[in-house]
Amino acid sequence: MKTVCRVLCVAAAAIILIADARLKASRSIDGGRAGSMDGGSASLSGERSPQPPPQVPFRAGVDLVSLNVTVADGTPRYITDLTQDDFNVFEDGVKQDVTFFNKTNLPIALCLLLDTSASMDTKLATAQEAAIGFARRLRQQDLAEVIDFDSRVIVLQSFTNGVQELEQAIHKTSAGGSTSLYNAVYIALKDLKKVIAKNHEEIRRQAIIVLSDGEDTSSLLPFEEVLDLAKRSETAIYSIGLRSPDGPGTTSKGFKEAEFVLRQFSQETGGRAFFPSQLADLANIYGQISDELSSQYTVGYISKNPKRDGSWRRVVVRTTRPNLTARTKLGYFAPTAH
């Protein structure tokens, strides 16, 4: 009986993992030491000095497909009273067996990305206050990072649960330069990958909230490469594209391209895209995102497709309760044989 219990506990621990179990997890890099990426080095004298054990990421032992699912009824209200039996999951059209279900309000790790290009000059103060309002809604167990992007991408505040530090970082933003949106999303995805869960209590949902008012004009990375990285992550991207009702930018080719990009980031990763025409709507939008992140389900299954070919697999989630819409990422890349 003890052996059976031990096996069940191990299986449960594996299934609960929400962090990325298909990508190669990065080891932590000592922020105070430049250079080595391998986590350790021999001493100059030729003798190996005692090394602390490397930080091993908390990982699943099975190929669990983990989905963060948002359910709504067409109103601003999120549905939070569903059970496991209310969900049907399909992969490439084949119904899957849901083996894990959780509606616990898990901690969050997220990146706040603020466009500080020159075109944001008259909008930045309002954007700052809306972002600060969002930061104040974070809980003690949540972590957030602040990144501003114009011609460059700067991490103004690394991951912290300190609201005061986040507010100070947001207030540091100032407008000027061009727009490096893709570079900023890439850096945010890489930083979130470093947030490693060492135990069950540190498992976090991951999200990026990006606010911008125009197309990318100066990134070194192409959109397709960054989108591919986003699709391979466990991160939902929430996009806020600021329209200018009195300016030419709303109907320009540039803004249409920006809108397409922001929608793609959000749809592929299970997030949501917003395109307000008024700055006054920003506070409400950040509030909606905060509510959504605290109202999600986690649904997990082991794919019935045994192939380890790295192919893209389309995922659809439906609810048995009528007139409800379930939203999650559009799919995932299958594991590969090693």
Protein backbone atom coordinates (compact mmCIF):
# COMPACT_ATOMS: atom_id res chain seq x y z
CA MET A 1 0.00 0.00 0.00
CA LYS A 2 2.86 2.40 0.84
CA THR A 3 4.40 1.71 -2.56
CA VAL A 4 1.12 2.48 -4.35
CA CYS A 5 0.73 5.74 -2.43
CA ARG A 6 4.28 6.71 -3.25
CA VAL A 7 3.68 6.09 -6.98
CA LEU A 8 0.48 8.10 -6.92
CA CYS A 9 2.23 10.99 -5.18
CA VAL A 10 4.99 11.02 -7.77
CA ALA A 11 2.47 10.95 -10.61
CA ALA A 12 0.47 13.74 -9.05
CA ALA A 13 3.57 15.87 -8.62
CA ALA A 14 4.41 15.35 -12.28
CA ILE A 15 0.97 16.26 -13.50
CA ILE A 16 0.65 19.39 -11.39
CA LEU A 17 3.62 20.93 -13.18
CA ILE A 18 2.53 23.80 -15.37
CA ALA A 19 5.96 25.10 -16.24
CA ASP A 20 7.41 24.21 -19.59
CA ALA A 21 8.10 20.46 -19.62
CA ARG A 22 8.84 20.21 -23.33
CA LEU A 23 11.47 22.92 -23.77
CA LYS A 24 14.96 22.49 -22.34
CA ALA A 25 14.91 24.30 -19.01
CA SER A 26 17.68 26.81 -18.46
CA ARG A 27 19.88 26.62 -15.41
CA SER A 28 20.09 29.76 -13.36
CA ILE A 29 22.98 32.05 -14.25
CA ASP A 30 24.77 33.86 -11.45
CA GLY A 31 23.84 37.50 -12.06
CA GLY A 32 26.94 38.75 -10.29
CA ARG A 33 29.37 36.75 -12.47
CA ALA A 34 30.03 37.57 -16.11
CA GLY A 35 30.93 34.95 -18.69
CA SER A 36 30.35 31.25 -18.00
CA MET A 37 26.97 29.85 -19.02
CA ASP A 38 27.63 26.31 -17.74
CA GLY A 39 26.95 27.05 -14.08
CA GLY A 40 30.43 26.30 -12.75
CA SER A 41 34.17 26.34 -13.49
CA ALA A 42 37.39 24.79 -12.18
CA SER A 43 39.68 26.81 -9.93
CA LEU A 44 42.81 28.42 -11.42
CA SER A 45 45.10 26.21 -9.34
CA GLY A 46 43.81 23.08 -11.07
CA GLU A 47 41.96 21.88 -7.98
CA ARG A 48 38.23 21.94 -8.03
CA SER A 49 36.83 24.14 -5.31
CA PRO A 50 33.64 22.92 -3.61
CA GLN A 51 30.70 23.83 -5.79
CA PRO A 52 27.12 24.23 -4.58
CA PRO A 53 24.72 21.80 -6.21
CA PRO A 54 23.29 23.26 -9.45
CA GLN A 55 19.73 24.56 -9.37
CA VAL A 56 17.66 21.81 -10.92
CA PRO A 57 14.33 22.93 -12.37
CA PHE A 58 11.24 21.26 -11.00
CA ARG A 59 10.04 19.15 -13.94
CA ALA A 60 7.34 16.70 -14.91
CA GLY A 61 8.17 13.08 -15.51
CA VAL A 62 5.52 12.66 -18.21
CA ASP A 63 4.67 14.49 -21.44
CA LEU A 64 1.76 16.34 -19.96
CA VAL A 65 0.07 18.86 -22.23
CA SER A 66 -0.92 21.67 -19.88
CA LEU A 67 -3.49 24.26 -20.94
CA ASN A 68 -4.53 27.44 -19.17
CA VAL A 69 -8.17 27.89 -20.10
CA THR A 70 -10.37 30.97 -19.80
CA VAL A 71 -14.15 30.50 -19.97
CA ALA A 72 -16.59 33.35 -20.62
CA ASP A 73 -20.26 33.73 -21.47
CA GLY A 74 -20.04 36.69 -23.84
CA THR A 75 -20.15 39.25 -21.04
CA PRO A 76 -17.25 40.72 -19.04
CA ARG A 77 -17.90 37.98 -16.47
CA TYR A 78 -15.62 34.94 -16.32
CA ILE A 79 -17.09 31.52 -15.49
CA THR A 80 -15.26 29.91 -12.58
CA ASP A 81 -17.60 27.15 -11.34
CA LEU A 82 -16.97 24.44 -13.95
CA THR A 83 -15.71 20.96 -13.12
CA GLN A 84 -13.42 18.57 -14.98
CA ASP A 85 -16.40 16.84 -16.60
CA ASP A 86 -17.47 20.13 -18.17
CA PHE A 87 -14.41 20.20 -20.47
CA ASN A 88 -13.74 18.39 -23.73
CA VAL A 89 -10.26 18.64 -25.23
CA PHE A 90 -9.43 17.79 -28.84
CA GLU A 91 -5.97 17.47 -30.38
CA ASP A 92 -5.91 17.47 -34.18
CA GLY A 93 -9.60 16.54 -34.03
CA VAL A 94 -9.10 13.57 -31.67
CA LYS A 95 -10.77 13.74 -28.28
CA GLN A 96 -8.33 13.45 -25.40
CA ASP A 97 -8.75 12.13 -21.86
CA VAL A 98 -8.38 14.91 -19.32
CA THR A 99 -6.10 13.54 -16.61
CA PHE A 100 -5.57 16.68 -14.60
CA PHE A 101 -7.82 19.57 -13.66
CA ASN A 102 -7.23 22.49 -11.36
CA LYS A 103 -9.07 25.74 -10.79
CA THR A 104 -6.85 26.97 -7.98
CA ASN A 105 -5.80 30.60 -8.35
CA LEU A 106 -2.10 29.93 -8.94
CA PRO A 107 0.65 32.53 -8.50
CA ILE A 108 1.66 34.46 -11.61
CA ALA A 109 4.97 35.48 -13.17
CA LEU A 110 4.51 38.20 -15.76
CA CYS A 111 6.31 40.86 -17.75
CA LEU A 112 4.89 44.35 -18.20
CA LEU A 113 6.08 45.73 -21.56
CA LEU A 114 5.62 49.45 -22.23
CA ASP A 115 6.17 51.06 -25.61
CA THR A 116 8.15 54.26 -24.98
CA SER A 117 8.76 55.26 -28.61
CA ALA A 118 8.41 58.92 -29.60
CA SER A 119 4.78 58.48 -30.66
CA MET A 120 3.86 57.60 -27.05
CA ASP A 121 4.90 61.03 -25.74
CA THR A 122 1.39 62.38 -25.08
CA LYS A 123 0.02 59.00 -24.00
CA LEU A 124 2.73 57.80 -21.66
CA ALA A 125 1.50 59.41 -18.44
CA THR A 126 -1.90 57.73 -18.75
CA ALA A 127 -0.28 54.43 -19.73
CA GLN A 128 1.98 54.62 -16.69
CA GLU A 129 -0.92 55.13 -14.28
CA ALA A 130 -2.87 52.24 -15.81
CA ALA A 131 0.14 49.92 -15.53
CA ILE A 132 0.70 51.01 -11.93
CA GLY A 133 -2.94 50.24 -11.17
CA PHE A 134 -2.37 46.73 -12.50
CA ALA A 135 0.80 46.32 -10.41
CA ARG A 136 -1.12 47.27 -7.27
CA ARG A 137 -3.50 44.36 -7.86
CA LEU A 138 -0.71 41.80 -7.78
CA ARG A 139 -0.57 39.51 -4.78
CA GLN A 140 2.36 38.79 -2.49
CA GLN A 141 3.01 35.46 -4.22
CA ASP A 142 3.06 37.01 -7.73
CA LEU A 143 6.19 38.20 -9.54
CA ALA A 144 6.43 40.94 -12.17
CA GLU A 145 9.13 42.46 -14.36
CA VAL A 146 9.00 45.88 -16.06
CA ILE A 147 10.47 46.33 -19.55
CA ASP A 148 10.37 49.46 -21.67
CA PHE A 149 11.14 49.44 -25.36
CA ASP A 150 11.82 52.06 -28.00
CA SER A 151 14.99 51.86 -30.11
CA ARG A 152 16.41 49.77 -27.26
CA VAL A 153 14.92 47.26 -24.83
CA ILE A 154 15.63 47.94 -21.16
CA VAL A 155 14.66 45.84 -18.14
CA LEU A 156 13.82 48.59 -15.67
CA GLN A 157 12.92 46.16 -12.89
CA SER A 158 13.66 42.45 -12.75
CA PHE A 159 11.17 40.03 -11.23
CA THR A 160 9.90 41.15 -7.84
CA ASN A 161 6.76 41.09 -5.73
CA GLY A 162 7.48 44.59 -4.44
CA VAL A 163 4.77 46.98 -5.63
CA GLN A 164 6.86 50.03 -4.76
CA GLU A 165 9.76 48.82 -6.90
CA LEU A 166 7.41 48.15 -9.81
CA GLU A 167 5.83 51.60 -9.51
CA GLN A 168 9.22 53.29 -9.47
CA ALA A 169 10.30 51.38 -12.56
CA ILE A 170 7.13 52.31 -14.45
CA HIS A 171 7.62 55.98 -13.56
CA LYS A 172 11.14 55.84 -15.01
CA THR A 173 9.83 55.34 -18.53
CA SER A 174 10.15 58.25 -20.96
CA ALA A 175 9.22 58.57 -24.64
CA GLY A 176 11.68 58.78 -27.50
CA GLY A 177 13.08 56.73 -30.36
CA SER A 178 11.63 54.02 -32.60
CA THR A 179 9.83 50.75 -31.77
CA SER A 180 11.55 47.40 -31.05
CA LEU A 181 8.45 45.36 -30.22
CA TYR A 182 9.74 41.97 -31.35
CA ASN A 183 13.01 42.37 -29.46
CA ALA A 184 11.06 43.24 -26.30
CA VAL A 185 8.76 40.21 -26.53
CA TYR A 186 11.77 37.97 -27.18
CA ILE A 187 13.60 39.24 -24.09
CA ALA A 188 10.46 38.86 -21.95
CA LEU A 189 10.00 35.25 -23.09
CA LYS A 190 13.62 34.46 -22.32
CA ASP A 191 13.39 36.08 -18.88
CA LEU A 192 10.22 34.15 -18.02
CA LYS A 193 11.96 30.92 -18.96
CA LYS A 194 14.46 31.60 -16.17
CA VAL A 195 11.67 31.66 -13.56
CA ILE A 196 12.17 28.04 -12.51
CA ALA A 197 9.87 26.27 -10.08
CA LYS A 198 11.90 24.38 -7.46
CA ASN A 199 8.79 22.97 -5.78
CA HIS A 200 5.01 22.88 -6.12
CA GLU A 201 4.52 26.17 -4.29
CA GLU A 202 6.60 28.02 -6.89
CA ILE A 203 4.65 26.82 -9.93
CA ARG A 204 3.32 29.91 -11.70
CA ARG A 205 1.21 30.79 -14.66
CA GLN A 206 3.19 32.98 -17.01
CA ALA A 207 2.01 36.00 -18.97
CA ILE A 208 3.24 39.00 -20.93
CA ILE A 209 1.24 42.22 -21.10
CA VAL A 210 2.47 44.44 -23.93
CA LEU A 211 1.23 47.94 -24.68
CA SER A 212 2.13 49.61 -27.98
CA ASP A 213 0.74 52.21 -30.36
CA GLY A 214 2.32 51.22 -33.65
CA GLU A 215 4.27 48.83 -35.82
CA ASP A 216 7.73 47.51 -35.09
CA THR A 217 10.33 49.67 -36.84
CA SER A 218 13.71 48.67 -35.43
CA SER A 219 13.87 45.10 -34.10
CA LEU A 220 16.76 42.90 -35.16
CA LEU A 221 14.62 39.77 -34.79
CA PRO A 222 11.87 38.94 -37.31
CA PHE A 223 8.27 38.53 -36.22
CA GLU A 224 8.11 34.88 -37.32
CA GLU A 225 11.03 33.87 -35.10
CA VAL A 226 9.58 35.56 -32.02
CA LEU A 227 6.11 34.13 -32.67
CA ASP A 228 7.62 30.65 -32.95
CA LEU A 229 9.36 31.12 -29.60
CA ALA A 230 6.08 32.29 -28.05
CA LYS A 231 4.24 29.23 -29.37
CA ARG A 232 6.89 26.98 -27.82
CA SER A 233 6.52 28.64 -24.43
CA GLU A 234 3.87 28.31 -21.74
CA THR A 235 3.28 32.06 -21.78
CA ALA A 236 0.03 33.83 -22.62
CA ILE A 237 0.53 37.20 -24.31
CA TYR A 238 -2.00 39.98 -23.70
CA SER A 239 -1.72 42.81 -26.21
CA ILE A 240 -2.97 46.37 -25.95
CA GLY A 241 -2.79 48.31 -29.21
CA LEU A 242 -3.52 52.00 -28.80
CA ARG A 243 -5.52 53.48 -31.64
CA SER A 244 -5.45 57.22 -32.36
CA PRO A 245 -8.99 58.28 -33.31
CA ASP A 246 -7.90 61.77 -34.33
CA GLY A 247 -4.73 60.77 -36.13
CA PRO A 248 -3.85 59.03 -39.37
CA GLY A 249 -2.18 56.09 -37.65
CA THR A 250 -5.35 54.06 -37.06
CA THR A 251 -6.06 53.37 -40.73
CA SER A 252 -2.46 53.41 -41.93
CA LYS A 253 -0.72 50.34 -43.30
CA GLY A 254 1.65 50.51 -40.33
CA PHE A 255 -1.06 50.28 -37.70
CA LYS A 256 -2.86 47.50 -39.57
CA GLU A 257 0.38 45.54 -39.53
CA ALA A 258 0.81 46.25 -35.83
CA GLU A 259 -2.74 45.11 -35.14
CA PHE A 260 -2.15 41.87 -37.05
CA VAL A 261 1.05 41.20 -35.08
CA LEU A 262 -0.52 41.87 -31.70
CA ARG A 263 -3.54 39.70 -32.52
CA GLN A 264 -1.29 36.85 -33.63
CA PHE A 265 0.77 36.96 -30.45
CA SER A 266 -2.38 36.81 -28.34
CA GLN A 267 -4.41 34.27 -30.30
CA GLU A 268 -1.59 31.76 -30.67
CA THR A 269 -0.70 31.82 -26.98
CA GLY A 270 -4.20 31.90 -25.45
CA GLY A 271 -4.09 35.54 -24.42
CA ARG A 272 -6.29 38.36 -25.60
CA ALA A 273 -5.85 41.49 -27.73
CA PHE A 274 -7.41 44.88 -26.95
CA PHE A 275 -7.54 47.91 -29.25
CA PRO A 276 -8.97 50.87 -27.32
CA SER A 277 -9.60 54.18 -29.05
CA GLN A 278 -9.44 56.16 -25.84
CA LEU A 279 -6.64 56.32 -23.32
CA ALA A 280 -9.24 56.43 -20.57
CA ASP A 281 -10.02 52.77 -21.33
CA LEU A 282 -6.57 51.57 -20.33
CA ALA A 283 -7.25 51.20 -16.61
CA ASN A 284 -10.31 49.06 -17.31
CA ILE A 285 -8.39 46.88 -19.77
CA TYR A 286 -5.59 46.20 -17.30
CA GLY A 287 -8.33 45.36 -14.79
CA GLN A 288 -9.90 42.85 -17.20
CA ILE A 289 -6.54 41.17 -17.73
CA SER A 290 -5.98 40.94 -13.98
CA ASP A 291 -9.44 39.39 -13.51
CA GLU A 292 -8.82 36.88 -16.30
CA LEU A 293 -5.49 35.73 -14.92
CA SER A 294 -7.17 35.02 -11.59
CA SER A 295 -10.11 33.14 -13.17
CA GLN A 296 -8.40 30.50 -15.29
CA TYR A 297 -8.52 26.72 -15.18
CA THR A 298 -5.61 24.39 -15.75
CA VAL A 299 -6.52 21.37 -17.88
CA GLY A 300 -3.98 18.65 -18.59
CA TYR A 301 -3.83 15.50 -20.67
CA ILE A 302 -1.39 12.95 -22.09
CA SER A 303 -1.64 13.02 -25.88
CA LYS A 304 -3.00 9.92 -27.59
CA ASN A 305 -0.55 10.61 -30.40
CA PRO A 306 2.62 8.71 -29.42
CA LYS A 307 4.81 10.20 -32.16
CA ARG A 308 7.75 12.27 -30.94
CA ASP A 309 8.27 14.14 -34.18
CA GLY A 310 8.24 17.78 -33.06
CA SER A 311 5.20 18.53 -35.23
CA TRP A 312 2.65 21.26 -34.53
CA ARG A 313 -0.54 19.92 -32.94
CA ARG A 314 -3.74 21.92 -32.96
CA VAL A 315 -5.71 22.03 -29.70
CA VAL A 316 -9.36 22.95 -29.16
CA VAL A 317 -11.16 23.11 -25.81
CA ARG A 318 -14.95 23.11 -25.54
CA THR A 319 -17.34 23.10 -22.61
CA THR A 320 -20.41 20.93 -22.23
CA ARG A 321 -22.32 23.82 -20.70
CA PRO A 322 -24.12 25.72 -23.48
CA ASN A 323 -23.42 29.33 -24.50
CA LEU A 324 -19.91 29.36 -23.06
CA THR A 325 -16.65 29.95 -24.89
CA ALA A 326 -13.37 28.38 -23.79
CA ARG A 327 -10.12 30.04 -24.86
CA THR A 328 -6.61 28.63 -24.66
CA LYS A 329 -3.48 28.50 -26.80
CA LEU A 330 -4.07 27.21 -30.33
CA GLY A 331 -1.68 24.30 -30.04
CA TYR A 332 1.80 23.10 -29.14
CA PHE A 333 4.84 21.44 -30.65
CA ALA A 334 5.10 17.72 -29.97
CA PRO A 335 8.14 16.45 -28.07
CA THR A 336 11.04 15.09 -30.06
CA ALA A 337 12.97 11.87 -29.69
CA HIS A 338 16.33 12.31 -27.99
